[in-house]
Each structure stands twice: as C-alpha cells, then as structure tokens.
C-alpha cells in the first residue's frame, strides 16, 4: 500500500507541482509590480499582463489538478496501464484507496497553494494576518477539517464510481461517465432532502452543534460533488 501511495504521489506531483510553483512565482511578481511606483512602469502594461496571467494560472491550478487526478484513475486502472497494475500483488481496494488518498491530498494542496498565492499577492505572508485566530477554536477547526477530508474522500470515490460505470458501456464511455454522474448525484441529492424531512429527529444526517446545541441537517457530502 505504501509503495502504491509513493508511486501515485510521484506521478501526480510530477504534473501538478510545476503548476503550483508557477502560481506562487506569478503571485510574487504581481506583488512586486504593484508595490510603490512600479505599476506605472510602461503605462502599467507589464502589471496588467501579469495580472491576467495570474488569473489564468489560478483557474488552471484547479482544472488541471482535477483532470490529472481523473486521468490517473482512468488510465492506470481502466486504460492501457490497467493490465500491468493488476498484476501487482495488491487488491483492487488498495489500488482505489491509494489513488483516492493521493487525490484528496492533491486537492487540499492545490487549495493551500491558491490561498498562499492570494496572501502573497495581497500583502505578503505576514504572521499578523493570523492574529485574529482564537486558540480556543482549534477543536472546532480540526473537526471542520476532518469533515472536509471525509467529504472530499467521498466525492473522489463517487467520481471514481461514475467513471467505472461509464466504462461498462461499449461506446462513448466518457459521455456515459458524465451521464452516470448526473443521474447518481441527482438521486443522492433527492434522497438527502427526503430523508431528513421524513425523519427529522432520527435522521443520520442530523448532528448537534457543539457550540449552540441546536440540531441541523447538512446535505450528504456526496451531493456536493
């Protein structure tokens, strides 16, 4: 399992990390260009070009990460590499979970890089930026992060399920994967709305807020996909 994680991390990092480094570099250049009198350089043309480049790379970070992760699953398990991957002495479950774990890690890494680039672009990375953080909120922050990880993991597995179901079709497998995604996500959302409405007191989606004691019913995390 660890070797699978290491192999998958290297394959994804090889494609994603250069893009993450590019957005940090462009954010740093934009930060320097918009400092003091530099924006007036050449009528502000370099600053405008770098700003547009930052927006393009910012969007590309999330789009490319999603495409690479989906491509990794499809090619290495359902594509030409699948024959070699399934000759390894590991189970199918280990193959899927190793890819899902790395996919979740790369998603959070892309969000972290994007957040750092925004800080760098605005006023630099300053410890005073986080001075508002209350140490007493650490348990709630950790609880929220755990919830996000579980939701991201469920979302990745849900996408893998749609890809696998679409692969069962003889033709137009990519299109069928999108069809399965639409059908299943719609069904999950409907169930997520009907179950709490039918049984508000015993719904598995209802949780109690640690701070206020009130009950609330969030939608299933898969419905966020």
Protein backbone atom coordinates (compact mmCIF):
# COMPACT_ATOMS: atom_id res chain seq x y z
CA UNK A 1 0.00 0.00 0.00
CA UNK A 2 2.79 2.42 0.87
CA UNK A 3 4.55 1.70 -2.41
CA UNK A 4 1.31 2.40 -4.27
CA UNK A 5 0.95 5.72 -2.44
CA UNK A 6 4.56 6.62 -3.23
CA UNK A 7 4.18 5.74 -6.90
CA UNK A 8 0.88 7.64 -7.22
CA UNK A 9 2.28 10.68 -5.42
CA UNK A 10 5.28 10.84 -7.75
CA UNK A 11 3.07 10.53 -10.82
CA UNK A 12 0.69 13.30 -9.70
CA UNK A 13 3.37 15.58 -8.26
CA UNK A 14 5.35 15.40 -11.49
CA UNK A 15 2.44 17.03 -13.29
CA UNK A 16 0.96 19.29 -10.59
CA UNK A 17 3.91 20.72 -8.64
CA UNK A 18 5.33 22.77 -11.55
CA UNK A 19 1.94 24.45 -11.90
CA UNK A 20 1.79 25.14 -8.15
CA UNK A 21 5.26 26.66 -8.29
CA UNK A 22 4.22 28.80 -11.26
CA UNK A 23 1.29 30.37 -9.45
CA UNK A 24 3.44 31.23 -6.43
CA UNK A 25 6.06 32.78 -8.72
CA UNK A 26 3.49 34.80 -10.66
CA UNK A 27 1.86 35.95 -7.42
CA UNK A 28 5.26 37.13 -6.15
CA UNK A 29 5.93 39.01 -9.38
CA UNK A 30 2.50 40.65 -9.18
CA UNK A 31 3.17 41.63 -5.58
CA UNK A 32 6.40 43.34 -6.64
CA UNK A 33 4.83 45.01 -9.68
CA UNK A 34 2.02 46.54 -7.64
CA UNK A 35 4.29 47.87 -4.91
CA UNK A 36 5.11 51.58 -4.70
CA UNK A 37 5.52 53.24 -8.15
CA UNK A 38 6.16 50.09 -10.13
CA UNK A 39 2.56 49.86 -11.51
CA UNK A 40 3.25 52.99 -13.60
CA UNK A 41 6.11 51.22 -15.41
CA UNK A 42 5.44 51.24 -19.18
CA UNK A 43 1.94 52.62 -18.58
CA UNK A 44 1.06 49.64 -16.39
CA UNK A 45 1.19 47.15 -19.28
CA UNK A 46 3.50 44.62 -17.53
CA UNK A 47 1.33 44.73 -14.39
CA UNK A 48 -1.84 44.15 -16.42
CA UNK A 49 -0.29 41.24 -18.32
CA UNK A 50 0.95 39.56 -15.14
CA UNK A 51 -2.45 40.06 -13.50
CA UNK A 52 -4.19 38.31 -16.38
CA UNK A 53 -1.56 35.56 -16.29
CA UNK A 54 -2.20 35.08 -12.57
CA UNK A 55 -5.95 34.69 -13.14
CA UNK A 56 -5.33 32.14 -15.91
CA UNK A 57 -2.89 30.09 -13.81
CA UNK A 58 -5.17 30.35 -10.76
CA UNK A 59 -8.01 28.72 -12.72
CA UNK A 60 -5.62 26.24 -14.33
CA UNK A 61 -4.44 25.01 -10.92
CA UNK A 62 -7.88 23.60 -10.06
CA UNK A 63 -8.85 22.48 -13.55
CA UNK A 64 -5.52 20.76 -14.23
CA UNK A 65 -5.50 19.08 -10.81
CA UNK A 66 -8.98 17.64 -11.39
CA UNK A 67 -8.16 16.49 -14.92
CA UNK A 68 -4.85 14.90 -13.89
CA UNK A 69 -6.41 13.01 -10.97
CA UNK A 70 -9.27 11.68 -13.09
CA UNK A 71 -6.85 10.78 -15.87
CA UNK A 72 -4.62 8.93 -13.44
CA UNK A 73 -7.51 6.75 -12.27
CA UNK A 74 -8.83 6.08 -15.76
CA UNK A 75 -5.53 5.30 -17.47
CA UNK A 76 -3.83 3.33 -14.71
CA UNK A 77 -6.81 1.14 -13.79
CA UNK A 78 -9.25 1.18 -16.71
CA UNK A 79 -6.88 2.06 -19.55
CA UNK A 80 -3.76 0.57 -21.04
CA UNK A 81 -1.82 0.57 -17.77
CA UNK A 82 -4.55 -1.43 -16.03
CA UNK A 83 -3.15 -4.76 -17.19
CA UNK A 84 0.20 -4.05 -15.56
CA UNK A 85 -1.28 -2.52 -12.41
CA UNK A 86 -3.49 -5.52 -11.71
CA UNK A 87 -0.52 -7.88 -11.95
CA UNK A 88 0.82 -6.35 -8.73
CA UNK A 89 0.24 -8.39 -5.55
CA UNK A 90 -2.31 -5.94 -4.13
CA UNK A 91 -6.09 -5.92 -4.08
CA UNK A 92 -8.37 -3.73 -6.17
CA UNK A 93 -9.45 -1.96 -2.99
CA UNK A 94 -5.86 -0.95 -2.26
CA UNK A 95 -5.47 0.37 -5.80
CA UNK A 96 -8.61 2.51 -5.49
CA UNK A 97 -7.90 3.77 -1.99
CA UNK A 98 -4.31 4.68 -2.80
CA UNK A 99 -5.46 6.81 -5.70
CA UNK A 100 -8.26 8.35 -3.64
CA UNK A 101 -5.91 9.27 -0.79
CA UNK A 102 -3.45 10.97 -3.13
CA UNK A 103 -6.31 12.69 -4.97
CA UNK A 104 -7.62 14.17 -1.71
CA UNK A 105 -4.10 15.24 -0.73
CA UNK A 106 -3.55 16.95 -4.09
CA UNK A 107 -6.92 18.73 -3.86
CA UNK A 108 -6.07 20.16 -0.45
CA UNK A 109 -2.57 21.03 -1.63
CA UNK A 110 -3.98 22.95 -4.60
CA UNK A 111 -6.31 24.88 -2.29
CA UNK A 112 -3.42 25.65 0.07
CA UNK A 113 -1.22 26.88 -2.77
CA UNK A 114 -4.05 29.06 -4.11
CA UNK A 115 -4.63 30.53 -0.64
CA UNK A 116 -0.92 31.27 -0.17
CA UNK A 117 -0.78 32.93 -3.58
CA UNK A 118 -3.68 35.21 -2.63
CA UNK A 119 -1.92 36.18 0.61
CA UNK A 120 1.30 36.80 -1.27
CA UNK A 121 -0.49 38.82 -3.93
CA UNK A 122 -2.36 41.00 -1.44
CA UNK A 123 0.10 41.98 1.29
CA UNK A 124 2.63 39.20 1.60
CA UNK A 125 2.75 36.35 4.09
CA UNK A 126 2.67 38.13 7.41
CA UNK A 127 2.17 36.37 10.77
CA UNK A 128 -0.07 39.27 11.79
CA UNK A 129 -2.57 38.04 9.20
CA UNK A 130 -3.47 35.17 11.50
CA UNK A 131 -3.56 37.25 14.70
CA UNK A 132 -7.37 37.05 14.77
CA UNK A 133 -7.28 33.28 15.24
CA UNK A 134 -8.58 32.14 18.64
CA UNK A 135 -6.69 29.12 20.09
CA UNK A 136 -9.90 28.02 21.79
CA UNK A 137 -11.37 27.34 18.33
CA UNK A 138 -8.74 24.72 17.49
CA UNK A 139 -11.02 21.71 18.28
CA UNK A 140 -13.76 23.13 16.06
CA UNK A 141 -11.27 23.84 13.27
CA UNK A 142 -9.95 20.29 13.47
CA UNK A 143 -13.48 18.94 13.44
CA UNK A 144 -14.25 21.01 10.36
CA UNK A 145 -11.07 19.85 8.62
CA UNK A 146 -11.92 16.23 9.40
CA UNK A 147 -15.37 16.76 7.92
CA UNK A 148 -13.86 18.32 4.78
CA UNK A 149 -11.43 15.41 4.38
CA UNK A 150 -14.24 12.87 4.67
CA UNK A 151 -16.40 14.80 2.21
CA UNK A 152 -13.51 15.14 -0.25
CA UNK A 153 -12.76 11.42 0.07
CA UNK A 154 -16.42 10.55 -0.56
CA UNK A 155 -16.53 12.93 -3.54
CA UNK A 156 -13.44 11.34 -5.11
CA UNK A 157 -14.83 7.82 -4.66
CA UNK A 158 -18.13 9.00 -6.12
CA UNK A 159 -16.34 10.28 -9.23
CA UNK A 160 -14.42 7.01 -9.50
CA UNK A 161 -17.72 5.13 -9.31
CA UNK A 162 -19.18 7.17 -12.17
CA UNK A 163 -16.08 6.62 -14.29
CA UNK A 164 -16.18 2.86 -13.63
CA UNK A 165 -19.89 2.66 -14.50
CA UNK A 166 -19.32 4.69 -17.66
CA UNK A 167 -16.51 2.33 -18.63
CA UNK A 168 -19.02 -0.55 -18.76
CA UNK A 169 -20.56 0.96 -21.88
CA UNK A 170 -19.33 -0.31 -25.23
CA UNK A 171 -19.27 3.15 -26.83
CA UNK A 172 -18.99 6.75 -25.64
CA UNK A 173 -17.61 5.76 -22.26
CA UNK A 174 -16.61 9.28 -21.30
CA UNK A 175 -20.08 10.59 -22.11
CA UNK A 176 -21.67 7.76 -20.13
CA UNK A 177 -19.49 8.63 -17.14
CA UNK A 178 -20.95 12.16 -17.21
CA UNK A 179 -24.45 10.68 -17.54
CA UNK A 180 -23.90 8.43 -14.53
CA UNK A 181 -22.52 11.36 -12.57
CA UNK A 182 -25.62 13.44 -13.30
CA UNK A 183 -28.02 10.59 -12.54
CA UNK A 184 -26.38 9.43 -9.31
CA UNK A 185 -25.69 12.92 -7.96
CA UNK A 186 -29.32 13.89 -8.61
CA UNK A 187 -30.55 10.73 -6.86
CA UNK A 188 -28.29 11.33 -3.86
CA UNK A 189 -29.45 14.94 -3.56
CA UNK A 190 -33.10 13.90 -3.66
CA UNK A 191 -32.53 11.23 -1.01
CA UNK A 192 -30.55 13.72 1.07
CA UNK A 193 -33.53 16.09 1.07
CA UNK A 194 -36.23 13.47 1.63
CA UNK A 195 -34.63 11.53 4.50
CA UNK A 196 -34.15 14.49 6.90
CA UNK A 197 -37.62 15.80 6.01
CA UNK A 198 -39.25 12.44 6.72
CA UNK A 199 -37.40 11.69 9.97
CA UNK A 200 -36.03 14.96 11.40
CA UNK A 201 -35.43 13.51 14.85
CA UNK A 202 -33.73 10.28 13.82
CA UNK A 203 -32.06 11.30 10.59
CA UNK A 204 -28.45 10.10 10.22
CA UNK A 205 -27.67 13.46 8.59
CA UNK A 206 -28.69 15.45 11.67
CA UNK A 207 -25.89 16.43 14.01
CA UNK A 208 -25.80 18.58 17.11
CA UNK A 209 -23.82 21.76 17.12
CA UNK A 210 -21.17 21.73 19.84
CA UNK A 211 -21.48 25.47 20.45
CA UNK A 212 -25.23 26.13 20.36
CA UNK A 213 -26.76 22.73 20.99
CA UNK A 214 -29.12 23.16 18.04
CA UNK A 215 -29.74 20.40 15.56
CA UNK A 216 -29.15 20.90 11.90
CA UNK A 217 -29.17 18.60 8.87
CA UNK A 218 -26.41 19.14 6.31
CA UNK A 219 -26.78 17.56 2.91
CA UNK A 220 -24.80 14.37 2.31
CA UNK A 221 -21.25 15.17 1.32
CA UNK A 222 -21.60 13.22 -1.92
CA UNK A 223 -24.32 15.61 -3.04
CA UNK A 224 -21.71 18.38 -3.06
CA UNK A 225 -19.83 16.72 -5.91
